[in-house]
């Protein structure tokens, strides 16, 4: 199975509010509210770290969740956010853009 790499979209504005993140698409001004775990994933989306590693090192380390469940949920999150442009996904590192 190929690795999935994720990166934050470039045409977004974001603001942390408590443990959550508000992210706005600059293209159409759509606002997304990310819960705590989605915020952890979004913040770690540097384009060079595989999603499975983000889940293992960030999500599973901070929350009481199995790696299988967390990875499945993270993949679903990525599938929902990628079409909006606030999250980019690829089967290879994305532009080596470490943020």
PDB file of N, CA and C in Angstrom:
ATOM      1  N   UNK A   1       0.845  -1.196   0.000  1.00  0.00           N
ATOM      2  CA  UNK A   1       0.000   0.000   0.000  1.00  0.00           C
ATOM      3  C   UNK A   1       0.883   1.251   0.000  1.00  0.00           C
ATOM      4  N   UNK A   2       0.568   2.181  -0.882  1.00  0.00           N
ATOM      5  CA  UNK A   2       1.348   3.406  -1.006  1.00  0.00           C
ATOM      6  C   UNK A   2       1.108   4.336   0.179  1.00  0.00           C
ATOM      7  N   UNK A   3       2.142   5.074   0.507  1.00  0.00           N
ATOM      8  CA  UNK A   3       2.019   6.086   1.560  1.00  0.00           C
ATOM      9  C   UNK A   3       1.148   7.224   1.044  1.00  0.00           C
ATOM     10  N   UNK A   4       0.500   7.920   1.964  1.00  0.00           N
ATOM     11  CA  UNK A   4      -0.232   9.132   1.637  1.00  0.00           C
ATOM     12  C   UNK A   4       0.475  10.293   2.315  1.00  0.00           C
ATOM     13  N   UNK A   5       0.746  11.324   1.551  1.00  0.00           N
ATOM     14  CA  UNK A   5       1.359  12.540   2.079  1.00  0.00           C
ATOM     15  C   UNK A   5       0.317  13.641   2.017  1.00  0.00           C
ATOM     16  N   UNK A   6       0.327  14.500   3.017  1.00  0.00           N
ATOM     17  CA  UNK A   6      -0.647  15.591   3.055  1.00  0.00           C
ATOM     18  C   UNK A   6       0.061  16.916   3.326  1.00  0.00           C
ATOM     19  N   UNK A   7      -0.494  17.958   2.762  1.00  0.00           N
ATOM     20  CA  UNK A   7       0.032  19.313   2.978  1.00  0.00           C
ATOM     21  C   UNK A   7      -1.148  20.273   3.079  1.00  0.00           C
ATOM     22  N   UNK A   8      -0.956  21.312   3.853  1.00  0.00           N
ATOM     23  CA  UNK A   8      -1.993  22.338   3.947  1.00  0.00           C
ATOM     24  C   UNK A   8      -2.059  23.085   2.615  1.00  0.00           C
ATOM     25  N   UNK A   9      -3.253  23.402   2.193  1.00  0.00           N
ATOM     26  CA  UNK A   9      -3.416  24.167   0.965  1.00  0.00           C
ATOM     27  C   UNK A   9      -2.778  25.540   1.105  1.00  0.00           C
ATOM     28  N   UNK A  10      -2.373  26.103   0.003  1.00  0.00           N
ATOM     29  CA  UNK A  10      -1.709  27.411   0.035  1.00  0.00           C
ATOM     30  C   UNK A  10      -2.700  28.573   0.027  1.00  0.00           C
ATOM     31  N   UNK A  11      -3.888  28.363  -0.514  1.00  0.00           N
ATOM     32  CA  UNK A  11      -4.870  29.440  -0.617  1.00  0.00           C
ATOM     33  C   UNK A  11      -5.883  29.341   0.519  1.00  0.00           C
ATOM     34  N   UNK A  12      -5.357  29.392   1.752  1.00  0.00           N
ATOM     35  CA  UNK A  12      -6.219  29.305   2.932  1.00  0.00           C
ATOM     36  C   UNK A  12      -5.773  30.329   3.974  1.00  0.00           C
ATOM     37  N   UNK A  13      -6.699  30.659   4.828  1.00  0.00           N
ATOM     38  CA  UNK A  13      -6.405  31.467   6.009  1.00  0.00           C
ATOM     39  C   UNK A  13      -6.867  30.636   7.194  1.00  0.00           C
ATOM     40  N   UNK A  14      -6.106  30.658   8.285  1.00  0.00           N
ATOM     41  CA  UNK A  14      -6.489  29.835   9.427  1.00  0.00           C
ATOM     42  C   UNK A  14      -6.282  30.576  10.739  1.00  0.00           C
ATOM     43  N   UNK A  15      -7.042  30.149  11.725  1.00  0.00           N
ATOM     44  CA  UNK A  15      -6.955  30.743  13.055  1.00  0.00           C
ATOM     45  C   UNK A  15      -7.309  29.667  14.074  1.00  0.00           C
ATOM     46  N   UNK A  16      -6.462  29.510  15.086  1.00  0.00           N
ATOM     47  CA  UNK A  16      -6.732  28.570  16.173  1.00  0.00           C
ATOM     48  C   UNK A  16      -7.686  29.223  17.166  1.00  0.00           C
ATOM     49  N   UNK A  17      -8.703  28.492  17.549  1.00  0.00           N
ATOM     50  CA  UNK A  17      -9.667  28.947  18.549  1.00  0.00           C
ATOM     51  C   UNK A  17      -9.835  27.826  19.564  1.00  0.00           C
ATOM     52  N   UNK A  18      -9.208  27.990  20.729  1.00  0.00           N
ATOM     53  CA  UNK A  18      -9.215  26.898  21.696  1.00  0.00           C
ATOM     54  C   UNK A  18      -8.419  25.752  21.115  1.00  0.00           C
ATOM     55  N   UNK A  19      -8.958  24.544  21.174  1.00  0.00           N
ATOM     56  CA  UNK A  19      -8.276  23.390  20.609  1.00  0.00           C
ATOM     57  C   UNK A  19      -8.669  23.125  19.178  1.00  0.00           C
ATOM     58  N   UNK A  20      -9.461  24.005  18.600  1.00  0.00           N
ATOM     59  CA  UNK A  20      -9.933  23.799  17.243  1.00  0.00           C
ATOM     60  C   UNK A  20      -9.290  24.792  16.287  1.00  0.00           C
ATOM     61  N   UNK A  21      -9.459  24.526  14.999  1.00  0.00           N
ATOM     62  CA  UNK A  21      -8.890  25.388  13.974  1.00  0.00           C
ATOM     63  C   UNK A  21     -10.002  25.788  13.017  1.00  0.00           C
ATOM     64  N   UNK A  22     -10.070  27.065  12.729  1.00  0.00           N
ATOM     65  CA  UNK A  22     -10.980  27.576  11.701  1.00  0.00           C
ATOM     66  C   UNK A  22     -10.125  27.807  10.463  1.00  0.00           C
ATOM     67  N   UNK A  23     -10.540  27.228   9.350  1.00  0.00           N
ATOM     68  CA  UNK A  23      -9.790  27.340   8.110  1.00  0.00           C
ATOM     69  C   UNK A  23     -10.731  27.868   7.032  1.00  0.00           C
ATOM     70  N   UNK A  24     -10.288  28.913   6.343  1.00  0.00           N
ATOM     71  CA  UNK A  24     -11.106  29.491   5.290  1.00  0.00           C
ATOM     72  C   UNK A  24     -10.400  29.323   3.942  1.00  0.00           C
ATOM     73  N   UNK A  25     -11.145  28.858   2.969  1.00  0.00           N
ATOM     74  CA  UNK A  25     -10.654  28.767   1.603  1.00  0.00           C
ATOM     75  C   UNK A  25     -10.681  30.170   1.007  1.00  0.00           C
ATOM     76  N   UNK A  26      -9.550  30.652   0.559  1.00  0.00           N
ATOM     77  CA  UNK A  26      -9.481  31.971  -0.046  1.00  0.00           C
ATOM     78  C   UNK A  26     -10.231  31.974  -1.380  1.00  0.00           C
ATOM     79  N   UNK A  27     -10.273  30.835  -2.056  1.00  0.00           N
ATOM     80  CA  UNK A  27     -10.921  30.749  -3.370  1.00  0.00           C
ATOM     81  C   UNK A  27     -12.400  31.079  -3.312  1.00  0.00           C
ATOM     82  N   UNK A  28     -13.106  30.564  -2.284  1.00  0.00           N
ATOM     83  CA  UNK A  28     -14.559  30.793  -2.254  1.00  0.00           C
ATOM     84  C   UNK A  28     -15.080  31.234  -0.879  1.00  0.00           C
ATOM     85  N   UNK A  29     -14.184  31.558   0.027  1.00  0.00           N
ATOM     86  CA  UNK A  29     -14.519  32.036   1.377  1.00  0.00           C
ATOM     87  C   UNK A  29     -15.298  31.023   2.217  1.00  0.00           C
ATOM     88  N   UNK A  30     -15.235  29.747   1.860  1.00  0.00           N
ATOM     89  CA  UNK A  30     -15.861  28.708   2.661  1.00  0.00           C
ATOM     90  C   UNK A  30     -15.044  28.503   3.929  1.00  0.00           C
ATOM     91  N   UNK A  31     -15.712  28.413   5.059  1.00  0.00           N
ATOM     92  CA  UNK A  31     -15.037  28.235   6.343  1.00  0.00           C
ATOM     93  C   UNK A  31     -15.281  26.822   6.848  1.00  0.00           C
ATOM     94  N   UNK A  32     -14.213  26.206   7.346  1.00  0.00           N
ATOM     95  CA  UNK A  32     -14.280  24.864   7.905  1.00  0.00           C
ATOM     96  C   UNK A  32     -13.830  24.925   9.352  1.00  0.00           C
ATOM     97  N   UNK A  33     -14.556  24.241  10.221  1.00  0.00           N
ATOM     98  CA  UNK A  33     -14.173  24.131  11.632  1.00  0.00           C
ATOM     99  C   UNK A  33     -13.605  22.732  11.845  1.00  0.00           C
ATOM    100  N   UNK A  34     -12.340  22.662  12.210  1.00  0.00           N
ATOM    101  CA  UNK A  34     -11.688  21.378  12.446  1.00  0.00           C
ATOM    102  C   UNK A  34     -11.683  21.089  13.946  1.00  0.00           C
ATOM    103  N   UNK A  35     -12.104  19.884  14.326  1.00  0.00           N
ATOM    104  CA  UNK A  35     -12.080  19.515  15.736  1.00  0.00           C
ATOM    105  C   UNK A  35     -10.629  19.304  16.187  1.00  0.00           C
ATOM    106  N   UNK A  36     -10.435  18.938  17.452  1.00  0.00           N
ATOM    107  CA  UNK A  36      -9.080  18.821  18.006  1.00  0.00           C
ATOM    108  C   UNK A  36      -8.192  17.873  17.213  1.00  0.00           C
ATOM    109  N   UNK A  37      -8.706  16.687  16.911  1.00  0.00           N
ATOM    110  CA  UNK A  37      -7.872  15.704  16.218  1.00  0.00           C
ATOM    111  C   UNK A  37      -7.613  16.131  14.777  1.00  0.00           C
ATOM    112  N   UNK A  38      -8.615  16.648  14.104  1.00  0.00           N
ATOM    113  CA  UNK A  38      -8.417  17.151  12.741  1.00  0.00           C
ATOM    114  C   UNK A  38      -7.405  18.300  12.743  1.00  0.00           C
ATOM    115  N   UNK A  39      -7.424  19.111  13.789  1.00  0.00           N
ATOM    116  CA  UNK A  39      -6.465  20.208  13.919  1.00  0.00           C
ATOM    117  C   UNK A  39      -5.046  19.677  14.058  1.00  0.00           C
ATOM    118  N   UNK A  40      -4.857  18.644  14.846  1.00  0.00           N
ATOM    119  CA  UNK A  40      -3.534  18.025  15.005  1.00  0.00           C
ATOM    120  C   UNK A  40      -3.026  17.550  13.646  1.00  0.00           C
ATOM    121  N   UNK A  41      -3.884  16.882  12.906  1.00  0.00           N
ATOM    122  CA  UNK A  41      -3.499  16.369  11.585  1.00  0.00           C
ATOM    123  C   UNK A  41      -3.202  17.522  10.634  1.00  0.00           C
ATOM    124  N   UNK A  42      -4.071  18.529  10.610  1.00  0.00           N
ATOM    125  CA  UNK A  42      -3.887  19.658   9.699  1.00  0.00           C
ATOM    126  C   UNK A  42      -2.583  20.408  10.007  1.00  0.00           C
ATOM    127  N   UNK A  43      -2.300  20.627  11.277  1.00  0.00           N
ATOM    128  CA  UNK A  43      -1.063  21.328  11.660  1.00  0.00           C
ATOM    129  C   UNK A  43       0.182  20.540  11.257  1.00  0.00           C
ATOM    130  N   UNK A  44       0.082  19.206  11.312  1.00  0.00           N
ATOM    131  CA  UNK A  44       1.234  18.353  10.998  1.00  0.00           C
ATOM    132  C   UNK A  44       1.388  18.102   9.498  1.00  0.00           C
ATOM    133  N   UNK A  45       0.453  18.565   8.705  1.00  0.00           N
ATOM    134  CA  UNK A  45       0.451  18.315   7.258  1.00  0.00           C
ATOM    135  C   UNK A  45       1.523  19.165   6.588  1.00  0.00           C
ATOM    136  N   UNK A  46       2.759  18.652   6.577  1.00  0.00           N
ATOM    137  CA  UNK A  46       3.888  19.411   6.048  1.00  0.00           C
ATOM    138  C   UNK A  46       4.284  19.009   4.631  1.00  0.00           C
ATOM    139  N   UNK A  47       3.594  18.011   4.069  1.00  0.00           N
ATOM    140  CA  UNK A  47       3.897  17.580   2.713  1.00  0.00           C
ATOM    141  C   UNK A  47       4.980  16.524   2.620  1.00  0.00           C
ATOM    142  N   UNK A  48       5.757  16.333   3.662  1.00  0.00           N
ATOM    143  CA  UNK A  48       6.852  15.364   3.615  1.00  0.00           C
ATOM    144  C   UNK A  48       6.699  14.227   4.628  1.00  0.00           C
ATOM    145  N   UNK A  49       5.832  14.390   5.583  1.00  0.00           N
ATOM    146  CA  UNK A  49       5.610  13.347   6.582  1.00  0.00           C
ATOM    147  C   UNK A  49       4.408  12.510   6.161  1.00  0.00           C
ATOM    148  N   UNK A  50       4.586  11.193   6.040  1.00  0.00           N
ATOM    149  CA  UNK A  50       3.450  10.347   5.651  1.00  0.00           C
ATOM    150  C   UNK A  50       2.310  10.440   6.673  1.00  0.00           C
ATOM    151  N   UNK A  51       1.085  10.336   6.184  1.00  0.00           N
ATOM    152  CA  UNK A  51      -0.087  10.404   7.052  1.00  0.00           C
ATOM    153  C   UNK A  51      -0.005   9.365   8.162  1.00  0.00           C
ATOM    154  N   UNK A  52       0.425   8.149   7.855  1.00  0.00           N
ATOM    155  CA  UNK A  52       0.510   7.094   8.870  1.00  0.00           C
ATOM    156  C   UNK A  52       1.455   7.499  10.004  1.00  0.00           C
ATOM    157  N   UNK A  53       2.530   8.194   9.677  1.00  0.00           N
ATOM    158  CA  UNK A  53       3.479   8.651  10.700  1.00  0.00           C
ATOM    159  C   UNK A  53       2.869   9.773  11.542  1.00  0.00           C
ATOM    160  N   UNK A  54       2.138  10.672  10.908  1.00  0.00           N
ATOM    161  CA  UNK A  54       1.460  11.736  11.647  1.00  0.00           C
ATOM    162  C   UNK A  54       0.480  11.123  12.643  1.00  0.00           C
ATOM    163  N   UNK A  55      -0.274  10.143  12.177  1.00  0.00           N
ATOM    164  CA  UNK A  55      -1.247   9.478  13.051  1.00  0.00           C
ATOM    165  C   UNK A  55      -0.543   8.811  14.226  1.00  0.00           C
ATOM    166  N   UNK A  56       0.530   8.073  13.930  1.00  0.00           N
ATOM    167  CA  UNK A  56       1.244   7.343  14.988  1.00  0.00           C
ATOM    168  C   UNK A  56       1.914   8.293  15.985  1.00  0.00           C
ATOM    169  N   UNK A  57       2.632   9.286  15.471  1.00  0.00           N
ATOM    170  CA  UNK A  57       3.425  10.153  16.348  1.00  0.00           C
ATOM    171  C   UNK A  57       2.633  11.288  16.994  1.00  0.00           C
ATOM    172  N   UNK A  58       1.566  11.724  16.353  1.00  0.00           N
ATOM    173  CA  UNK A  58       0.813  12.860  16.883  1.00  0.00           C
ATOM    174  C   UNK A  58      -0.527  12.440  17.479  1.00  0.00           C
ATOM    175  N   UNK A  59      -1.365  11.798  16.671  1.00  0.00           N
ATOM    176  CA  UNK A  59      -2.719  11.475  17.124  1.00  0.00           C
ATOM    177  C   UNK A  59      -2.703  10.396  18.200  1.00  0.00           C
ATOM    178  N   UNK A  60      -2.069   9.265  17.917  1.00  0.00           N
ATOM    179  CA  UNK A  60      -2.062   8.161  18.883  1.00  0.00           C
ATOM    180  C   UNK A  60      -1.271   8.503  20.146  1.00  0.00           C
ATOM    181  N   UNK A  61      -0.283   9.379  20.006  1.00  0.00           N
ATOM    182  CA  UNK A  61       0.505   9.785  21.167  1.00  0.00           C
ATOM    183  C   UNK A  61      -0.289  10.704  22.099  1.00  0.00           C
ATOM    184  N   UNK A  62      -1.242  11.461  21.551  1.00  0.00           N
ATOM    185  CA  UNK A  62      -2.000  12.428  22.345  1.00  0.00           C
ATOM    186  C   UNK A  62      -3.387  11.947  22.759  1.00  0.00           C
ATOM    187  N   UNK A  63      -3.935  10.978  22.010  1.00  0.00           N
ATOM    188  CA  UNK A  63      -5.313  10.550  22.255  1.00  0.00           C
ATOM    189  C   UNK A  63      -5.368   9.034  22.428  1.00  0.00           C
ATOM    190  N   UNK A  64      -6.326   8.576  23.191  1.00  0.00           N
ATOM    191  CA  UNK A  64      -6.504   7.152  23.453  1.00  0.00           C
ATOM    192  C   UNK A  64      -7.311   6.534  22.313  1.00  0.00           C
ATOM    193  N   UNK A  65      -6.589   6.189  21.246  1.00  0.00           N
ATOM    194  CA  UNK A  65      -7.224   5.619  20.060  1.00  0.00           C
ATOM    195  C   UNK A  65      -6.239   4.638  19.422  1.00  0.00           C
ATOM    196  N   UNK A  66      -6.761   3.557  18.877  1.00  0.00           N
ATOM    197  CA  UNK A  66      -5.876   2.592  18.217  1.00  0.00           C
ATOM    198  C   UNK A  66      -5.355   3.195  16.921  1.00  0.00           C
ATOM    199  N   UNK A  67      -4.195   2.717  16.518  1.00  0.00           N
ATOM    200  CA  UNK A  67      -3.585   3.244  15.300  1.00  0.00           C
ATOM    201  C   UNK A  67      -4.453   2.932  14.079  1.00  0.00           C
ATOM    202  N   UNK A  68      -5.043   1.745  14.027  1.00  0.00           N
ATOM    203  CA  UNK A  68      -5.895   1.383  12.883  1.00  0.00           C
ATOM    204  C   UNK A  68      -7.098   2.315  12.776  1.00  0.00           C
ATOM    205  N   UNK A  69      -7.768   2.541  13.903  1.00  0.00           N
ATOM    206  CA  UNK A  69      -8.946   3.418  13.914  1.00  0.00           C
ATOM    207  C   UNK A  69      -8.554   4.846  13.562  1.00  0.00           C
ATOM    208  N   UNK A  70      -7.476   5.324  14.158  1.00  0.00           N
ATOM    209  CA  UNK A  70      -7.032   6.698  13.912  1.00  0.00           C
ATOM    210  C   UNK A  70      -6.634   6.892  12.453  1.00  0.00           C
ATOM    211  N   UNK A  71      -5.948   5.912  11.872  1.00  0.00           N
ATOM    212  CA  UNK A  71      -5.534   6.038  10.477  1.00  0.00           C
ATOM    213  C   UNK A  71      -6.747   6.020   9.552  1.00  0.00           C
ATOM    214  N   UNK A  72      -7.688   5.135   9.813  1.00  0.00           N
ATOM    215  CA  UNK A  72      -8.904   5.078   8.990  1.00  0.00           C
ATOM    216  C   UNK A  72      -9.654   6.421   9.055  1.00  0.00           C
ATOM    217  N   UNK A  73      -9.802   6.965  10.269  1.00  0.00           N
ATOM    218  CA  UNK A  73     -10.482   8.253  10.431  1.00  0.00           C
ATOM    219  C   UNK A  73      -9.713   9.379   9.742  1.00  0.00           C
ATOM    220  N   UNK A  74      -8.374   9.350   9.843  1.00  0.00           N
ATOM    221  CA  UNK A  74      -7.548  10.382   9.211  1.00  0.00           C
ATOM    222  C   UNK A  74      -7.666  10.308   7.691  1.00  0.00           C
ATOM    223  N   UNK A  75      -7.706   9.100   7.150  1.00  0.00           N
ATOM    224  CA  UNK A  75      -7.872   8.946   5.701  1.00  0.00           C
ATOM    225  C   UNK A  75      -9.220   9.491   5.252  1.00  0.00           C
ATOM    226  N   UNK A  76     -10.270   9.242   6.034  1.00  0.00           N
ATOM    227  CA  UNK A  76     -11.599   9.784   5.710  1.00  0.00           C
ATOM    228  C   UNK A  76     -11.592  11.304   5.766  1.00  0.00           C
ATOM    229  N   UNK A  77     -10.934  11.867   6.775  1.00  0.00           N
ATOM    230  CA  UNK A  77     -10.811  13.320   6.886  1.00  0.00           C
ATOM    231  C   UNK A  77     -10.137  13.889   5.636  1.00  0.00           C
ATOM    232  N   UNK A  78      -9.049  13.266   5.223  1.00  0.00           N
ATOM    233  CA  UNK A  78      -8.315  13.734   4.043  1.00  0.00           C
ATOM    234  C   UNK A  78      -9.184  13.656   2.793  1.00  0.00           C
ATOM    235  N   UNK A  79      -9.971  12.601   2.667  1.00  0.00           N
ATOM    236  CA  UNK A  79     -10.855  12.458   1.506  1.00  0.00           C
ATOM    237  C   UNK A  79     -11.917  13.557   1.478  1.00  0.00           C
ATOM    238  N   UNK A  80     -12.359  13.992   2.669  1.00  0.00           N
ATOM    239  CA  UNK A  80     -13.361  15.065   2.728  1.00  0.00           C
ATOM    240  C   UNK A  80     -12.747  16.434   2.469  1.00  0.00           C
ATOM    241  N   UNK A  81     -11.529  16.666   2.962  1.00  0.00           N
ATOM    242  CA  UNK A  81     -10.923  17.996   2.854  1.00  0.00           C
ATOM    243  C   UNK A  81     -10.192  18.240   1.543  1.00  0.00           C
ATOM    244  N   UNK A  82      -9.672  17.206   0.922  1.00  0.00           N
ATOM    245  CA  UNK A  82      -8.890  17.393  -0.308  1.00  0.00           C
ATOM    246  C   UNK A  82      -9.686  18.088  -1.416  1.00  0.00           C
ATOM    247  N   UNK A  83     -10.946  17.715  -1.666  1.00  0.00           N
ATOM    248  CA  UNK A  83     -11.681  18.401  -2.737  1.00  0.00           C
ATOM    249  C   UNK A  83     -11.899  19.900  -2.477  1.00  0.00           C
ATOM    250  N   UNK A  84     -11.801  20.324  -1.231  1.00  0.00           N
ATOM    251  CA  UNK A  84     -12.013  21.731  -0.898  1.00  0.00           C
ATOM    252  C   UNK A  84     -10.773  22.580  -1.153  1.00  0.00           C
ATOM    253  N   UNK A  85      -9.605  21.917  -1.285  1.00  0.00           N
ATOM    254  CA  UNK A  85      -8.358  22.641  -1.504  1.00  0.00           C
ATOM    255  C   UNK A  85      -7.664  23.078  -0.228  1.00  0.00           C
ATOM    256  N   UNK A  86      -8.274  22.845   0.947  1.00  0.00           N
ATOM    257  CA  UNK A  86      -7.577  23.248   2.179  1.00  0.00           C
ATOM    258  C   UNK A  86      -6.555  22.204   2.604  1.00  0.00           C
ATOM    259  N   UNK A  87      -6.629  21.024   1.989  1.00  0.00           N
ATOM    260  CA  UNK A  87      -5.660  19.965   2.256  1.00  0.00           C
ATOM    261  C   UNK A  87      -5.312  19.311   0.930  1.00  0.00           C
ATOM    262  N   UNK A  88      -4.021  19.138   0.685  1.00  0.00           N
ATOM    263  CA  UNK A  88      -3.548  18.486  -0.533  1.00  0.00           C
ATOM    264  C   UNK A  88      -3.091  17.083  -0.175  1.00  0.00           C
ATOM    265  N   UNK A  89      -3.359  16.116  -1.038  1.00  0.00           N
ATOM    266  CA  UNK A  89      -2.922  14.744  -0.797  1.00  0.00           C
ATOM    267  C   UNK A  89      -2.156  14.234  -2.009  1.00  0.00           C
ATOM    268  N   UNK A  90      -1.211  13.316  -1.752  1.00  0.00           N
ATOM    269  CA  UNK A  90      -0.418  12.740  -2.825  1.00  0.00           C
ATOM    270  C   UNK A  90       0.162  11.410  -2.355  1.00  0.00           C
ATOM    271  N   UNK A  91       0.586  10.577  -3.306  1.00  0.00           N
ATOM    272  CA  UNK A  91       1.252   9.327  -2.949  1.00  0.00           C
ATOM    273  C   UNK A  91       2.768   9.510  -2.884  1.00  0.00           C
ATOM    274  N   UNK A  92       3.220  10.749  -2.984  1.00  0.00           N
ATOM    275  CA  UNK A  92       4.650  11.072  -2.837  1.00  0.00           C
ATOM    276  C   UNK A  92       4.764  12.428  -2.134  1.00  0.00           C
ATOM    277  N   UNK A  93       5.919  12.726  -1.578  1.00  0.00           N
ATOM    278  CA  UNK A  93       6.061  14.024  -0.886  1.00  0.00           C
ATOM    279  C   UNK A  93       5.627  15.180  -1.781  1.00  0.00           C
ATOM    280  N   UNK A  94       5.017  16.157  -1.167  1.00  0.00           N
ATOM    281  CA  UNK A  94       4.460  17.299  -1.884  1.00  0.00           C
ATOM    282  C   UNK A  94       5.428  18.474  -1.823  1.00  0.00           C
ATOM    283  N   UNK A  95       6.100  18.733  -2.938  1.00  0.00           N
ATOM    284  CA  UNK A  95       7.020  19.876  -3.087  1.00  0.00           C
ATOM    285  C   UNK A  95       8.094  19.979  -2.014  1.00  0.00           C
ATOM    286  N   UNK A  96       8.276  18.962  -1.171  1.00  0.00           N
ATOM    287  CA  UNK A  96       9.266  19.071  -0.108  1.00  0.00           C
ATOM    288  C   UNK A  96       9.058  20.306   0.730  1.00  0.00           C
ATOM    289  N   UNK A  97       7.838  20.807   0.776  1.00  0.00           N
ATOM    290  CA  UNK A  97       7.498  22.061   1.449  1.00  0.00           C
ATOM    291  C   UNK A  97       7.312  21.860   2.935  1.00  0.00           C
ATOM    292  N   UNK A  98       8.416  21.851   3.671  1.00  0.00           N
ATOM    293  CA  UNK A  98       8.352  21.663   5.129  1.00  0.00           C
ATOM    294  C   UNK A  98       7.962  22.981   5.762  1.00  0.00           C
ATOM    295  N   UNK A  99       6.866  22.959   6.535  1.00  0.00           N
ATOM    296  CA  UNK A  99       6.379  24.194   7.156  1.00  0.00           C
ATOM    297  C   UNK A  99       6.625  24.171   8.622  1.00  0.00           C
TER     298      UNK A  99
END
